[in-house]
């Protein structure tokens, strides 16, 4: 073999190895996400009508035969998330982004100047969401926790403080800026995120969020406001507390909502449509 022939053979071998590495890299997705055409992994995207379980109180009942669980991010471990994943479930991480809670391990990290009026729940006070430069790193740490435990998505609670007596002069513009900041934090970590209630701002926020979580839209005759999510093939996870399934399931099925009746303390009990 001549020197020239040997060099050509080496180049061919190197090219084949490089091509093989590219193929292997393209086939190996990160985590549970699929590749989305480029180098960025896509997020989980729940579709309309997807059944779910929402449990924030008590030991998690892992036996409910549904594809999605929504559970407390602080109260549950990575092992719980892993067991649910082993059963084929996607798992949403509940965190509070609109109120300070005196029972969370990071409570001391919130400056007193951020805390407003009580929100009606024991141990909770509204946050001054105008102070994004202070709140963003605190909420980023909470979402880092969700990601580290293996959650697929985030449910940020109390994203409509501007409609309540918080002790701060919050406006719709403040809320839009804050909610979009929460969506960016989740997406930067590869997590999907749901818009919790905040029905009046759905037209402005539906592009920023991957699904919706709603309480009592049927009781207040507001479920039609959630249709922008359905039109974009994004799930709406919905519960009623006071109404019986017979009172709201026809509407839920017409709108393709993922609906069930729950008790207010959100224990394992559920009555789905």
Foldseek 3Di string as FASTA:
>chain_A
DDPVVVVVVVVVVVVVVVVVVVVVVQVDDDAPFHCDPDPDTAADFAFFQFAEAEFEDDDDDLPDPGQEYEYELQVDALVVCVVSVVVNHAYEYEDELFKQAPPGPCNVLDDPVQFFDAPPDPRIAGGPLLVCVSSLVVVLVSLVSCVVSPHRAYEYPDLPCCVDPRRDNDDPVSSVVSVLSNLVSQVVSSHAYEAEPPLVCCVVCLVSHRAYEYEDCLVVVNVVSRLVCNVVRGAYEYEYEPDDCVSPVVVCVVSSHNYWYDHPNRHRDIGTD
